[in-house]
N, C-alpha and C. Protein backbone atom coordinates (compact mmCIF):
# COMPACT_ATOMS: atom_id res chain seq x y z
N UNK A 1 -32.50 -11.33 28.79
CA UNK A 1 -30.91 -11.45 28.69
C UNK A 1 -31.14 -11.30 27.24
N UNK A 2 -29.89 -10.57 27.11
CA UNK A 2 -29.96 -9.94 25.08
C UNK A 2 -29.39 -11.02 25.01
N UNK A 3 -28.71 -11.04 23.72
CA UNK A 3 -28.64 -12.64 22.97
C UNK A 3 -27.82 -11.54 22.57
N UNK A 4 -26.43 -13.21 21.95
CA UNK A 4 -24.98 -12.28 22.44
C UNK A 4 -25.10 -11.20 21.11
N UNK A 5 -25.48 -12.02 20.53
CA UNK A 5 -24.74 -10.58 18.82
C UNK A 5 -26.19 -9.34 19.63
N UNK A 6 -26.69 -9.00 20.78
CA UNK A 6 -27.08 -7.43 20.68
C UNK A 6 -26.27 -7.40 21.58
N UNK A 7 -25.88 -8.08 22.44
CA UNK A 7 -24.47 -7.55 24.12
C UNK A 7 -22.91 -6.74 22.76
N UNK A 8 -23.28 -7.99 21.86
CA UNK A 8 -21.42 -7.00 21.32
C UNK A 8 -22.09 -5.81 20.38
N UNK A 9 -23.29 -6.08 20.36
CA UNK A 9 -24.00 -4.63 18.62
C UNK A 9 -23.69 -3.30 20.50
N UNK A 10 -24.13 -3.24 21.63
CA UNK A 10 -24.29 -3.09 22.24
C UNK A 10 -22.45 -2.36 23.10
N UNK A 11 -22.27 -2.86 23.22
CA UNK A 11 -20.62 -2.84 23.50
C UNK A 11 -19.97 -2.30 22.45
N UNK A 12 -20.31 -2.33 21.36
CA UNK A 12 -19.18 -1.04 20.90
C UNK A 12 -19.60 -0.58 20.29
N UNK A 13 -20.97 0.19 20.28
CA UNK A 13 -21.45 1.56 20.45
C UNK A 13 -20.89 2.29 21.16
N UNK A 14 -21.67 1.51 22.47
CA UNK A 14 -20.55 2.49 23.47
C UNK A 14 -18.64 2.18 23.36
N UNK A 15 -18.25 1.47 23.35
CA UNK A 15 -16.29 1.86 23.32
C UNK A 15 -16.19 3.11 22.26
N UNK A 16 -17.56 3.13 21.10
CA UNK A 16 -16.85 3.61 20.25
C UNK A 16 -17.25 4.81 20.56
N UNK A 17 -17.96 4.52 21.75
CA UNK A 17 -18.62 6.62 22.37
C UNK A 17 -18.10 6.68 23.52
N UNK A 18 -17.13 6.39 24.34
CA UNK A 18 -16.72 6.60 25.00
C UNK A 18 -15.06 7.53 24.23
N UNK A 19 -14.50 7.39 22.90
CA UNK A 19 -14.11 8.25 22.99
C UNK A 19 -14.22 9.68 22.47
N UNK A 20 -15.39 9.88 21.94
CA UNK A 20 -15.83 11.15 21.98
C UNK A 20 -15.94 11.62 23.24
N UNK A 21 -16.54 11.22 24.01
CA UNK A 21 -17.38 11.79 25.60
C UNK A 21 -15.89 12.86 26.01
N UNK A 22 -17.05 13.87 26.70
CA UNK A 22 -15.79 14.77 27.04
C UNK A 22 -15.53 14.98 28.57
N UNK A 23 -14.44 14.65 28.69
CA UNK A 23 -13.76 14.14 30.66
C UNK A 23 -14.87 15.06 30.59
N UNK A 24 -14.78 15.59 30.86
CA UNK A 24 -15.28 17.44 32.12
C UNK A 24 -16.38 16.38 32.23
N UNK A 25 -17.54 15.92 31.63
CA UNK A 25 -18.70 15.66 31.92
C UNK A 25 -18.55 13.94 32.36
N UNK A 26 -17.50 13.08 32.65
CA UNK A 26 -16.85 11.47 33.02
C UNK A 26 -17.40 12.35 34.57
N UNK A 27 -18.15 10.93 35.48
CA UNK A 27 -17.81 10.88 36.65
C UNK A 27 -17.52 9.67 37.57
N UNK A 28 -17.46 9.85 38.08
CA UNK A 28 -17.01 8.42 38.71
C UNK A 28 -17.77 7.15 39.07
N UNK A 29 -18.93 7.11 38.95
CA UNK A 29 -19.93 6.16 38.53
C UNK A 29 -20.12 5.89 36.47
N UNK A 30 -19.95 4.24 37.21
CA UNK A 30 -20.33 3.56 35.89
C UNK A 30 -21.68 2.38 35.85
N UNK A 31 -22.74 3.02 34.50
CA UNK A 31 -24.68 2.18 35.32
C UNK A 31 -23.57 0.50 34.31
N UNK A 32 -24.16 0.20 34.91
CA UNK A 32 -23.84 -1.40 34.51
C UNK A 32 -25.39 -2.64 34.55
N UNK A 33 -25.12 -3.59 33.06
CA UNK A 33 -26.05 -4.47 33.60
C UNK A 33 -25.57 -5.50 33.79
N UNK A 34 -25.62 -6.17 34.33
CA UNK A 34 -25.08 -7.32 34.37
C UNK A 34 -26.77 -8.74 33.78
N UNK A 35 -25.82 -9.59 33.43
CA UNK A 35 -26.23 -11.11 33.32
C UNK A 35 -27.14 -10.94 34.89
N UNK A 36 -28.38 -11.94 34.36
CA UNK A 36 -29.07 -12.30 35.00
C UNK A 36 -28.70 -13.44 36.45
N UNK A 37 -27.21 -13.88 36.16
CA UNK A 37 -27.25 -15.11 36.41
C UNK A 37 -26.21 -14.74 37.07
N UNK A 38 -25.70 -13.85 36.71
CA UNK A 38 -23.78 -12.89 38.02
C UNK A 38 -24.19 -12.80 39.55
N UNK A 39 -23.64 -13.24 40.47
CA UNK A 39 -23.91 -12.90 40.79
C UNK A 39 -22.69 -11.54 41.43
N UNK A 40 -23.79 -10.37 42.03
CA UNK A 40 -22.58 -9.12 41.47
C UNK A 40 -21.86 -8.57 42.57
N UNK A 41 -22.62 -9.06 43.50
CA UNK A 41 -21.71 -8.04 44.67
C UNK A 41 -20.05 -9.38 44.25
N UNK A 42 -20.09 -11.01 44.36
CA UNK A 42 -18.96 -12.11 44.95
C UNK A 42 -18.37 -10.84 43.03
N UNK A 43 -18.72 -10.54 41.54
CA UNK A 43 -18.06 -10.35 40.44
C UNK A 43 -17.32 -9.42 40.84
N UNK A 44 -17.62 -8.32 41.65
CA UNK A 44 -17.70 -7.12 41.30
C UNK A 44 -15.92 -6.77 42.98
N UNK A 45 -16.01 -8.46 43.71
CA UNK A 45 -15.52 -8.50 45.12
C UNK A 45 -13.27 -8.59 43.87
N UNK A 46 -14.44 -9.92 42.82
CA UNK A 46 -13.60 -10.40 42.31
C UNK A 46 -12.69 -9.69 41.14
N UNK A 47 -13.43 -8.18 40.73
CA UNK A 47 -12.92 -7.06 40.38
C UNK A 47 -11.96 -6.75 40.62
N UNK A 48 -11.97 -6.39 41.71
CA UNK A 48 -11.77 -5.89 42.42
C UNK A 48 -10.16 -6.32 42.80
N UNK A 49 -9.75 -7.54 43.10
CA UNK A 49 -8.30 -8.75 43.56
C UNK A 49 -8.14 -8.63 42.07
N UNK A 50 -8.77 -9.14 41.17
CA UNK A 50 -8.06 -9.28 39.89
C UNK A 50 -7.29 -8.22 39.11
N UNK A 51 -8.29 -6.90 39.66
CA UNK A 51 -6.96 -5.96 38.33
C UNK A 51 -6.64 -4.60 39.86
N UNK A 52 -6.19 -4.55 40.59
CA UNK A 52 -5.88 -4.29 42.04
C UNK A 52 -6.77 -3.08 41.75
N UNK A 53 -8.44 -2.90 42.29
CA UNK A 53 -8.61 -2.16 42.21
C UNK A 53 -9.33 -1.49 43.91
N UNK A 54 -9.57 -0.50 43.74
CA UNK A 54 -9.92 0.05 44.90
C UNK A 54 -11.29 0.02 44.78
N UNK A 55 -11.88 -0.11 46.86
CA UNK A 55 -13.33 0.65 46.74
C UNK A 55 -14.13 0.66 45.39
N UNK A 56 -15.55 -0.30 44.72
CA UNK A 56 -16.10 -0.63 43.95
C UNK A 56 -17.07 -0.47 44.94
N UNK A 57 -18.07 0.05 44.82
CA UNK A 57 -19.74 0.05 45.85
C UNK A 57 -20.41 -0.26 44.66
N UNK A 58 -22.26 -0.33 44.79
CA UNK A 58 -23.38 -0.18 44.54
C UNK A 58 -22.83 1.05 44.97
N UNK A 59 -23.54 1.35 44.02
CA UNK A 59 -24.07 3.16 44.67
C UNK A 59 -25.97 3.64 44.43
N UNK A 60 -26.17 2.50 43.46
CA UNK A 60 -27.90 2.86 42.92
C UNK A 60 -28.47 1.59 42.46
N UNK A 61 -29.42 1.18 42.52
CA UNK A 61 -29.91 0.50 41.22
C UNK A 61 -31.00 1.55 40.94
N UNK A 62 -31.17 0.61 39.34
CA UNK A 62 -32.14 0.65 38.70
C UNK A 62 -33.06 0.76 38.09
N UNK A 63 -34.78 0.49 38.48
CA UNK A 63 -35.34 -0.27 37.98
C UNK A 63 -35.29 -0.89 36.95
N UNK A 64 -35.65 0.86 36.30
CA UNK A 64 -36.64 0.89 34.27
C UNK A 64 -35.64 0.11 33.44
N UNK A 65 -33.92 0.14 33.60
CA UNK A 65 -33.08 0.02 33.21
C UNK A 65 -32.79 -1.86 33.17
N UNK A 66 -33.23 -1.82 34.55
CA UNK A 66 -32.42 -3.36 34.92
C UNK A 66 -30.19 -3.42 35.50
N UNK A 67 -30.18 -2.56 35.74
CA UNK A 67 -28.91 -1.82 35.59
C UNK A 67 -28.25 -0.83 37.55
N UNK A 68 -27.09 -1.50 37.22
CA UNK A 68 -26.61 -0.81 38.64
C UNK A 68 -26.15 -0.02 38.61
N UNK A 69 -26.04 1.47 39.70
CA UNK A 69 -25.34 2.40 39.47
C UNK A 69 -23.58 2.06 40.42
N UNK A 70 -22.13 2.08 39.39
CA UNK A 70 -21.36 1.62 40.81
C UNK A 70 -19.87 2.80 40.48
N UNK A 71 -19.47 2.85 42.28
CA UNK A 71 -18.83 4.23 42.66
C UNK A 71 -17.91 3.82 42.99
N UNK A 72 -17.07 4.08 42.19
CA UNK A 72 -15.62 3.69 41.28
C UNK A 72 -14.76 4.92 42.59
N UNK A 73 -14.14 5.14 43.72
CA UNK A 73 -13.24 5.53 44.88
C UNK A 73 -11.94 4.72 43.42
N UNK A 74 -11.40 6.52 44.00
CA UNK A 74 -10.08 6.22 43.86
C UNK A 74 -9.15 5.52 43.13
N UNK A 75 -10.81 6.30 42.01
CA UNK A 75 -9.98 5.64 40.80
C UNK A 75 -10.15 6.60 38.91
N UNK A 76 -8.99 6.98 39.16
CA UNK A 76 -9.21 8.71 38.16
C UNK A 76 -9.50 8.43 36.84
N UNK A 77 -10.07 7.75 36.76
CA UNK A 77 -9.87 6.79 35.31
C UNK A 77 -11.11 5.84 34.62
N UNK A 78 -12.26 6.24 34.99
CA UNK A 78 -13.11 5.19 34.75
C UNK A 78 -13.48 4.28 33.78
N UNK A 79 -13.06 4.80 32.71
CA UNK A 79 -12.91 4.21 30.87
C UNK A 79 -12.38 3.13 31.42
N UNK A 80 -11.10 3.11 32.05
CA UNK A 80 -10.39 2.33 32.19
C UNK A 80 -11.67 0.65 32.49
N UNK A 81 -11.58 0.77 33.94
CA UNK A 81 -13.14 0.53 35.02
C UNK A 81 -14.16 -0.23 33.47
N UNK A 82 -14.93 0.80 32.84
CA UNK A 82 -15.64 1.00 32.01
C UNK A 82 -14.97 -0.64 30.86
N UNK A 83 -13.72 0.07 30.43
CA UNK A 83 -13.57 -1.67 29.30
C UNK A 83 -13.54 -2.59 30.07
N UNK A 84 -13.25 -3.39 31.14
CA UNK A 84 -12.85 -3.92 32.26
C UNK A 84 -13.75 -4.68 32.50
N UNK A 85 -15.07 -4.24 31.79
CA UNK A 85 -16.96 -4.55 32.03
C UNK A 85 -16.95 -5.09 31.28
N UNK A 86 -16.66 -4.34 30.02
CA UNK A 86 -16.63 -4.42 29.32
C UNK A 86 -16.43 -5.89 28.45
N UNK A 87 -15.41 -6.22 28.57
CA UNK A 87 -15.40 -7.89 27.87
C UNK A 87 -15.56 -9.16 29.12
N UNK A 88 -16.53 -8.62 29.40
CA UNK A 88 -16.45 -10.01 30.27
C UNK A 88 -17.60 -10.11 29.63
N UNK A 89 -17.73 -11.58 29.88
CA UNK A 89 -18.84 -12.00 29.60
C UNK A 89 -20.44 -11.34 30.41
N UNK A 90 -20.56 -11.22 31.75
CA UNK A 90 -21.05 -11.17 33.13
C UNK A 90 -22.34 -9.99 32.95
N UNK A 91 -21.27 -9.41 32.08
CA UNK A 91 -21.50 -7.96 31.53
C UNK A 91 -22.22 -8.11 30.18
N UNK A 92 -23.64 -7.23 30.16
CA UNK A 92 -24.90 -7.07 29.28
C UNK A 92 -23.90 -5.79 28.91
N UNK A 93 -23.53 -4.57 28.94
CA UNK A 93 -23.39 -3.25 29.07
C UNK A 93 -23.08 -3.08 30.39
N UNK A 94 -21.58 -1.30 30.18
CA UNK A 94 -21.19 -0.59 30.96
C UNK A 94 -20.95 0.40 30.26
N UNK A 95 -21.41 1.60 30.23
CA UNK A 95 -21.37 2.71 30.03
C UNK A 95 -20.92 4.03 31.56
N UNK A 96 -20.39 5.27 31.34
CA UNK A 96 -20.39 6.13 31.78
C UNK A 96 -21.42 6.58 32.36
N UNK A 97 -22.13 7.12 34.05
CA UNK A 97 -22.80 8.20 34.03
C UNK A 97 -22.95 9.43 33.92
N UNK A 98 -22.62 10.10 32.75
CA UNK A 98 -22.68 11.06 32.80
C UNK A 98 -23.41 12.03 33.82
N UNK A 99 -22.75 14.01 33.62
CA UNK A 99 -23.14 14.18 34.88
C UNK A 99 -23.93 14.94 33.19
N UNK A 100 -25.39 15.09 33.44
CA UNK A 100 -26.65 15.62 33.38
C UNK A 100 -26.79 16.89 32.94
N UNK A 101 -26.41 18.36 31.91
CA UNK A 101 -27.23 19.64 32.78
C UNK A 101 -29.44 19.75 32.35
């Protein structure tokens, strides 16, 4: 698990890069690395209930970075969800899964 200061630095770097990201490169997918102790399924369920979000599903797992790809159906702006996730102590980081050329 990353130290709190490293997590804060990662989250602040992601936050500043979100404002520079071209909207055309955003998808409805988010890459999220949770803390080891976070029960992922119940965390996602609680997130959906608390913020009235619909249909967030685990779409993939990335072994190499120990992160999940969440697909957000019926959500116009994934940055809103990314910002919510990055405010949580249960999340090491959340970032967009950009379209890569």
